[in-house]
Amino acid sequence: MIVPLEGAGEHLKLTVSSPLTVHGAAKVPARRAPELGEHNDEILKQLGFSGDEIDGLRANGAVPHAWH
């Protein structure tokens, strides 16, 4: 019911396990949720945007910088 939490820092070590099981899919270890915007560059690159285009989107305010 209570499981280790990966990548959440020093103060948060445990979380409640997900009660859901999907037939045919292995259950993965619990890990912290991404920060807002943490994967913006990866997603935009997968959609075909170049680094310069992503920089342009940031400069125009269309894509915010990731929160750190």
PDB file of N, CA and C in Angstrom:
ATOM      1  N   MET A   1       0.813  -1.184   0.000  1.00  0.00           N
ATOM      2  CA  MET A   1       0.000   0.000   0.000  1.00  0.00           C
ATOM      3  C   MET A   1       0.867   1.263   0.000  1.00  0.00           C
ATOM      4  N   ILE A   2       1.907   1.316   0.816  1.00  0.00           N
ATOM      5  CA  ILE A   2       2.859   2.437   0.831  1.00  0.00           C
ATOM      6  C   ILE A   2       4.129   1.947   0.140  1.00  0.00           C
ATOM      7  N   VAL A   3       4.594   2.724  -0.843  1.00  0.00           N
ATOM      8  CA  VAL A   3       5.743   2.305  -1.647  1.00  0.00           C
ATOM      9  C   VAL A   3       6.788   3.417  -1.696  1.00  0.00           C
ATOM     10  N   PRO A   4       8.053   3.056  -1.994  1.00  0.00           N
ATOM     11  CA  PRO A   4       9.094   4.074  -2.147  1.00  0.00           C
ATOM     12  C   PRO A   4       8.788   5.002  -3.326  1.00  0.00           C
ATOM     13  N   LEU A   5       9.194   6.253  -3.208  1.00  0.00           N
ATOM     14  CA  LEU A   5       8.991   7.263  -4.243  1.00  0.00           C
ATOM     15  C   LEU A   5      10.346   7.691  -4.780  1.00  0.00           C
ATOM     16  N   GLU A   6      10.590   7.452  -6.072  1.00  0.00           N
ATOM     17  CA  GLU A   6      11.879   7.775  -6.690  1.00  0.00           C
ATOM     18  C   GLU A   6      11.947   9.242  -7.105  1.00  0.00           C
ATOM     19  N   GLY A   7      13.087   9.873  -6.873  1.00  0.00           N
ATOM     20  CA  GLY A   7      13.380  11.196  -7.402  1.00  0.00           C
ATOM     21  C   GLY A   7      12.656  12.360  -6.773  1.00  0.00           C
ATOM     22  N   ALA A   8      12.088  12.181  -5.601  1.00  0.00           N
ATOM     23  CA  ALA A   8      11.303  13.263  -5.002  1.00  0.00           C
ATOM     24  C   ALA A   8      12.084  14.093  -3.992  1.00  0.00           C
ATOM     25  N   GLY A   9      13.346  13.783  -3.800  1.00  0.00           N
ATOM     26  CA  GLY A   9      14.146  14.566  -2.866  1.00  0.00           C
ATOM     27  C   GLY A   9      14.276  13.889  -1.525  1.00  0.00           C
ATOM     28  N   GLU A  10      14.931  14.577  -0.637  1.00  0.00           N
ATOM     29  CA  GLU A  10      15.282  13.998   0.660  1.00  0.00           C
ATOM     30  C   GLU A  10      14.112  13.887   1.632  1.00  0.00           C
ATOM     31  N   HIS A  11      13.151  14.806   1.566  1.00  0.00           N
ATOM     32  CA  HIS A  11      12.091  14.849   2.569  1.00  0.00           C
ATOM     33  C   HIS A  11      10.875  13.985   2.227  1.00  0.00           C
ATOM     34  N   LEU A  12      10.744  13.586   0.991  1.00  0.00           N
ATOM     35  CA  LEU A  12       9.593  12.788   0.572  1.00  0.00           C
ATOM     36  C   LEU A  12      10.092  11.455   0.049  1.00  0.00           C
ATOM     37  N   LYS A  13       9.890  10.409   0.810  1.00  0.00           N
ATOM     38  CA  LYS A  13      10.452   9.096   0.477  1.00  0.00           C
ATOM     39  C   LYS A  13       9.395   8.061   0.111  1.00  0.00           C
ATOM     40  N   LEU A  14       8.137   8.265   0.556  1.00  0.00           N
ATOM     41  CA  LEU A  14       7.096   7.258   0.354  1.00  0.00           C
ATOM     42  C   LEU A  14       5.846   7.887  -0.244  1.00  0.00           C
ATOM     43  N   THR A  15       5.033   7.061  -0.903  1.00  0.00           N
ATOM     44  CA  THR A  15       3.748   7.507  -1.432  1.00  0.00           C
ATOM     45  C   THR A  15       2.768   6.345  -1.383  1.00  0.00           C
ATOM     46  N   VAL A  16       1.518   6.633  -1.652  1.00  0.00           N
ATOM     47  CA  VAL A  16       0.494   5.593  -1.705  1.00  0.00           C
ATOM     48  C   VAL A  16       0.554   4.952  -3.088  1.00  0.00           C
ATOM     49  N   SER A  17       0.570   3.640  -3.130  1.00  0.00           N
ATOM     50  CA  SER A  17       0.623   2.907  -4.389  1.00  0.00           C
ATOM     51  C   SER A  17      -0.666   3.104  -5.176  1.00  0.00           C
ATOM     52  N   SER A  18      -0.540   3.169  -6.478  1.00  0.00           N
ATOM     53  CA  SER A  18      -1.712   3.263  -7.341  1.00  0.00           C
ATOM     54  C   SER A  18      -2.547   1.993  -7.213  1.00  0.00           C
ATOM     55  N   PRO A  19      -3.863   2.137  -7.051  1.00  0.00           N
ATOM     56  CA  PRO A  19      -4.706   0.952  -6.926  1.00  0.00           C
ATOM     57  C   PRO A  19      -5.060   0.324  -8.273  1.00  0.00           C
ATOM     58  N   LEU A  20      -4.618   0.926  -9.358  1.00  0.00           N
ATOM     59  CA  LEU A  20      -4.982   0.449 -10.691  1.00  0.00           C
ATOM     60  C   LEU A  20      -3.972  -0.548 -11.238  1.00  0.00           C
ATOM     61  N   THR A  21      -4.479  -1.557 -11.913  1.00  0.00           N
ATOM     62  CA  THR A  21      -3.654  -2.516 -12.623  1.00  0.00           C
ATOM     63  C   THR A  21      -4.206  -2.624 -14.036  1.00  0.00           C
ATOM     64  N   VAL A  22      -3.335  -2.516 -15.026  1.00  0.00           N
ATOM     65  CA  VAL A  22      -3.740  -2.619 -16.425  1.00  0.00           C
ATOM     66  C   VAL A  22      -3.302  -3.979 -16.949  1.00  0.00           C
ATOM     67  N   HIS A  23      -4.251  -4.738 -17.458  1.00  0.00           N
ATOM     68  CA  HIS A  23      -3.966  -6.080 -17.967  1.00  0.00           C
ATOM     69  C   HIS A  23      -2.890  -6.003 -19.057  1.00  0.00           C
ATOM     70  N   GLY A  24      -1.840  -6.795 -18.919  1.00  0.00           N
ATOM     71  CA  GLY A  24      -0.780  -6.857 -19.924  1.00  0.00           C
ATOM     72  C   GLY A  24       0.298  -5.794 -19.777  1.00  0.00           C
ATOM     73  N   ALA A  25       0.179  -4.916 -18.792  1.00  0.00           N
ATOM     74  CA  ALA A  25       1.185  -3.875 -18.586  1.00  0.00           C
ATOM     75  C   ALA A  25       1.814  -4.046 -17.214  1.00  0.00           C
ATOM     76  N   ALA A  26       3.128  -4.011 -17.187  1.00  0.00           N
ATOM     77  CA  ALA A  26       3.839  -4.140 -15.911  1.00  0.00           C
ATOM     78  C   ALA A  26       3.681  -2.861 -15.098  1.00  0.00           C
ATOM     79  N   LYS A  27       3.552  -3.000 -13.815  1.00  0.00           N
ATOM     80  CA  LYS A  27       3.464  -1.841 -12.930  1.00  0.00           C
ATOM     81  C   LYS A  27       4.860  -1.236 -12.797  1.00  0.00           C
ATOM     82  N   VAL A  28       4.967   0.071 -12.929  1.00  0.00           N
ATOM     83  CA  VAL A  28       6.259   0.753 -12.837  1.00  0.00           C
ATOM     84  C   VAL A  28       6.416   1.365 -11.447  1.00  0.00           C
ATOM     85  N   PRO A  29       7.659   1.566 -11.005  1.00  0.00           N
ATOM     86  CA  PRO A  29       7.877   2.182  -9.687  1.00  0.00           C
ATOM     87  C   PRO A  29       7.317   3.606  -9.645  1.00  0.00           C
ATOM     88  N   ALA A  30       6.836   4.018  -8.482  1.00  0.00           N
ATOM     89  CA  ALA A  30       6.351   5.384  -8.297  1.00  0.00           C
ATOM     90  C   ALA A  30       7.520   6.351  -8.389  1.00  0.00           C
ATOM     91  N   ARG A  31       7.301   7.488  -9.027  1.00  0.00           N
ATOM     92  CA  ARG A  31       8.333   8.527  -9.112  1.00  0.00           C
ATOM     93  C   ARG A  31       7.658   9.893  -9.083  1.00  0.00           C
ATOM     94  N   ARG A  32       8.427  10.906  -8.834  1.00  0.00           N
ATOM     95  CA  ARG A  32       7.860  12.249  -8.720  1.00  0.00           C
ATOM     96  C   ARG A  32       7.250  12.688 -10.050  1.00  0.00           C
ATOM     97  N   ALA A  33       6.264  13.544  -9.962  1.00  0.00           N
ATOM     98  CA  ALA A  33       5.656  14.114 -11.160  1.00  0.00           C
ATOM     99  C   ALA A  33       6.609  15.147 -11.754  1.00  0.00           C
ATOM    100  N   PRO A  34       6.577  15.353 -13.067  1.00  0.00           N
ATOM    101  CA  PRO A  34       7.454  16.367 -13.655  1.00  0.00           C
ATOM    102  C   PRO A  34       7.027  17.776 -13.242  1.00  0.00           C
ATOM    103  N   GLU A  35       7.996  18.662 -13.199  1.00  0.00           N
ATOM    104  CA  GLU A  35       7.703  20.078 -12.960  1.00  0.00           C
ATOM    105  C   GLU A  35       6.990  20.627 -14.193  1.00  0.00           C
ATOM    106  N   LEU A  36       6.237  21.707 -14.025  1.00  0.00           N
ATOM    107  CA  LEU A  36       5.592  22.337 -15.168  1.00  0.00           C
ATOM    108  C   LEU A  36       6.644  22.763 -16.186  1.00  0.00           C
ATOM    109  N   GLY A  37       6.494  22.326 -17.410  1.00  0.00           N
ATOM    110  CA  GLY A  37       7.415  22.698 -18.471  1.00  0.00           C
ATOM    111  C   GLY A  37       8.703  21.910 -18.517  1.00  0.00           C
ATOM    112  N   GLU A  38       8.878  20.944 -17.629  1.00  0.00           N
ATOM    113  CA  GLU A  38      10.136  20.208 -17.549  1.00  0.00           C
ATOM    114  C   GLU A  38      10.488  19.501 -18.857  1.00  0.00           C
ATOM    115  N   HIS A  39       9.505  19.033 -19.587  1.00  0.00           N
ATOM    116  CA  HIS A  39       9.763  18.270 -20.809  1.00  0.00           C
ATOM    117  C   HIS A  39       9.392  19.033 -22.085  1.00  0.00           C
ATOM    118  N   ASN A  40       9.249  20.358 -21.988  1.00  0.00           N
ATOM    119  CA  ASN A  40       8.866  21.152 -23.159  1.00  0.00           C
ATOM    120  C   ASN A  40       9.788  20.904 -24.356  1.00  0.00           C
ATOM    121  N   ASP A  41      11.093  20.999 -24.143  1.00  0.00           N
ATOM    122  CA  ASP A  41      12.034  20.850 -25.260  1.00  0.00           C
ATOM    123  C   ASP A  41      11.929  19.471 -25.900  1.00  0.00           C
ATOM    124  N   GLU A  42      11.876  18.435 -25.083  1.00  0.00           N
ATOM    125  CA  GLU A  42      11.762  17.066 -25.612  1.00  0.00           C
ATOM    126  C   GLU A  42      10.518  16.906 -26.477  1.00  0.00           C
ATOM    127  N   ILE A  43       9.392  17.398 -25.970  1.00  0.00           N
ATOM    128  CA  ILE A  43       8.131  17.250 -26.703  1.00  0.00           C
ATOM    129  C   ILE A  43       8.164  18.046 -27.997  1.00  0.00           C
ATOM    130  N   LEU A  44       8.641  19.282 -27.946  1.00  0.00           N
ATOM    131  CA  LEU A  44       8.701  20.106 -29.153  1.00  0.00           C
ATOM    132  C   LEU A  44       9.649  19.507 -30.195  1.00  0.00           C
ATOM    133  N   LYS A  45      10.770  18.931 -29.746  1.00  0.00           N
ATOM    134  CA  LYS A  45      11.692  18.284 -30.684  1.00  0.00           C
ATOM    135  C   LYS A  45      11.043  17.058 -31.316  1.00  0.00           C
ATOM    136  N   GLN A  46      10.271  16.281 -30.534  1.00  0.00           N
ATOM    137  CA  GLN A  46       9.558  15.129 -31.086  1.00  0.00           C
ATOM    138  C   GLN A  46       8.510  15.560 -32.108  1.00  0.00           C
ATOM    139  N   LEU A  47       7.992  16.773 -31.947  1.00  0.00           N
ATOM    140  CA  LEU A  47       7.015  17.303 -32.898  1.00  0.00           C
ATOM    141  C   LEU A  47       7.674  17.937 -34.117  1.00  0.00           C
ATOM    142  N   GLY A  48       9.015  17.938 -34.158  1.00  0.00           N
ATOM    143  CA  GLY A  48       9.730  18.412 -35.331  1.00  0.00           C
ATOM    144  C   GLY A  48      10.288  19.817 -35.246  1.00  0.00           C
ATOM    145  N   PHE A  49      10.206  20.472 -34.097  1.00  0.00           N
ATOM    146  CA  PHE A  49      10.755  21.813 -33.949  1.00  0.00           C
ATOM    147  C   PHE A  49      12.262  21.739 -33.734  1.00  0.00           C
ATOM    148  N   SER A  50      12.991  22.652 -34.357  1.00  0.00           N
ATOM    149  CA  SER A  50      14.441  22.727 -34.169  1.00  0.00           C
ATOM    150  C   SER A  50      14.738  23.527 -32.903  1.00  0.00           C
ATOM    151  N   GLY A  51      15.987  23.474 -32.470  1.00  0.00           N
ATOM    152  CA  GLY A  51      16.402  24.248 -31.306  1.00  0.00           C
ATOM    153  C   GLY A  51      16.179  25.745 -31.507  1.00  0.00           C
ATOM    154  N   ASP A  52      16.473  26.242 -32.705  1.00  0.00           N
ATOM    155  CA  ASP A  52      16.268  27.667 -32.991  1.00  0.00           C
ATOM    156  C   ASP A  52      14.790  28.032 -32.968  1.00  0.00           C
ATOM    157  N   GLU A  53      13.946  27.147 -33.486  1.00  0.00           N
ATOM    158  CA  GLU A  53      12.499  27.404 -33.460  1.00  0.00           C
ATOM    159  C   GLU A  53      11.965  27.425 -32.031  1.00  0.00           C
ATOM    160  N   ILE A  54      12.468  26.528 -31.197  1.00  0.00           N
ATOM    161  CA  ILE A  54      12.054  26.496 -29.793  1.00  0.00           C
ATOM    162  C   ILE A  54      12.496  27.777 -29.089  1.00  0.00           C
ATOM    163  N   ASP A  55      13.718  28.226 -29.373  1.00  0.00           N
ATOM    164  CA  ASP A  55      14.201  29.490 -28.801  1.00  0.00           C
ATOM    165  C   ASP A  55      13.308  30.646 -29.233  1.00  0.00           C
ATOM    166  N   GLY A  56      12.872  30.621 -30.489  1.00  0.00           N
ATOM    167  CA  GLY A  56      11.972  31.656 -30.998  1.00  0.00           C
ATOM    168  C   GLY A  56      10.623  31.633 -30.297  1.00  0.00           C
ATOM    169  N   LEU A  57      10.102  30.448 -30.052  1.00  0.00           N
ATOM    170  CA  LEU A  57       8.836  30.329 -29.331  1.00  0.00           C
ATOM    171  C   LEU A  57       8.964  30.882 -27.914  1.00  0.00           C
ATOM    172  N   ARG A  58      10.102  30.629 -27.282  1.00  0.00           N
ATOM    173  CA  ARG A  58      10.342  31.173 -25.940  1.00  0.00           C
ATOM    174  C   ARG A  58      10.456  32.693 -25.983  1.00  0.00           C
ATOM    175  N   ALA A  59      11.194  33.208 -26.972  1.00  0.00           N
ATOM    176  CA  ALA A  59      11.391  34.656 -27.083  1.00  0.00           C
ATOM    177  C   ALA A  59      10.058  35.373 -27.305  1.00  0.00           C
ATOM    178  N   ASN A  60       9.132  34.725 -28.008  1.00  0.00           N
ATOM    179  CA  ASN A  60       7.821  35.318 -28.276  1.00  0.00           C
ATOM    180  C   ASN A  60       6.839  35.096 -27.135  1.00  0.00           C
ATOM    181  N   GLY A  61       7.236  34.326 -26.128  1.00  0.00           N
ATOM    182  CA  GLY A  61       6.364  34.069 -24.996  1.00  0.00           C
ATOM    183  C   GLY A  61       5.359  32.946 -25.229  1.00  0.00           C
ATOM    184  N   ALA A  62       5.471  32.238 -26.357  1.00  0.00           N
ATOM    185  CA  ALA A  62       4.525  31.159 -26.661  1.00  0.00           C
ATOM    186  C   ALA A  62       4.809  29.926 -25.815  1.00  0.00           C
ATOM    187  N   VAL A  63       6.070  29.709 -25.451  1.00  0.00           N
ATOM    188  CA  VAL A  63       6.475  28.567 -24.624  1.00  0.00           C
ATOM    189  C   VAL A  63       7.258  29.116 -23.442  1.00  0.00           C
ATOM    190  N   PRO A  64       6.772  28.878 -22.235  1.00  0.00           N
ATOM    191  CA  PRO A  64       7.487  29.399 -21.059  1.00  0.00           C
ATOM    192  C   PRO A  64       8.732  28.574 -20.763  1.00  0.00           C
ATOM    193  N   HIS A  65       9.639  29.164 -20.013  1.00  0.00           N
ATOM    194  CA  HIS A  65      10.803  28.431 -19.517  1.00  0.00           C
ATOM    195  C   HIS A  65      10.341  27.486 -18.433  1.00  0.00           C
ATOM    196  N   ALA A  66      11.007  26.360 -18.306  1.00  0.00           N
ATOM    197  CA  ALA A  66      10.663  25.368 -17.277  1.00  0.00           C
ATOM    198  C   ALA A  66      10.912  25.960 -15.903  1.00  0.00           C
ATOM    199  N   TRP A  67      10.083  25.586 -14.949  1.00  0.00           N
ATOM    200  CA  TRP A  67      10.242  25.998 -13.551  1.00  0.00           C
ATOM    201  C   TRP A  67      11.299  25.145 -12.907  1.00  0.00           C
ATOM    202  N   HIS A  68      12.243  25.752 -12.226  1.00  0.00           N
ATOM    203  CA  HIS A  68      13.283  24.989 -11.513  1.00  0.00           C
ATOM    204  C   HIS A  68      13.350  25.447 -10.096  1.00  0.00           C
TER     205      HIS A  68
END
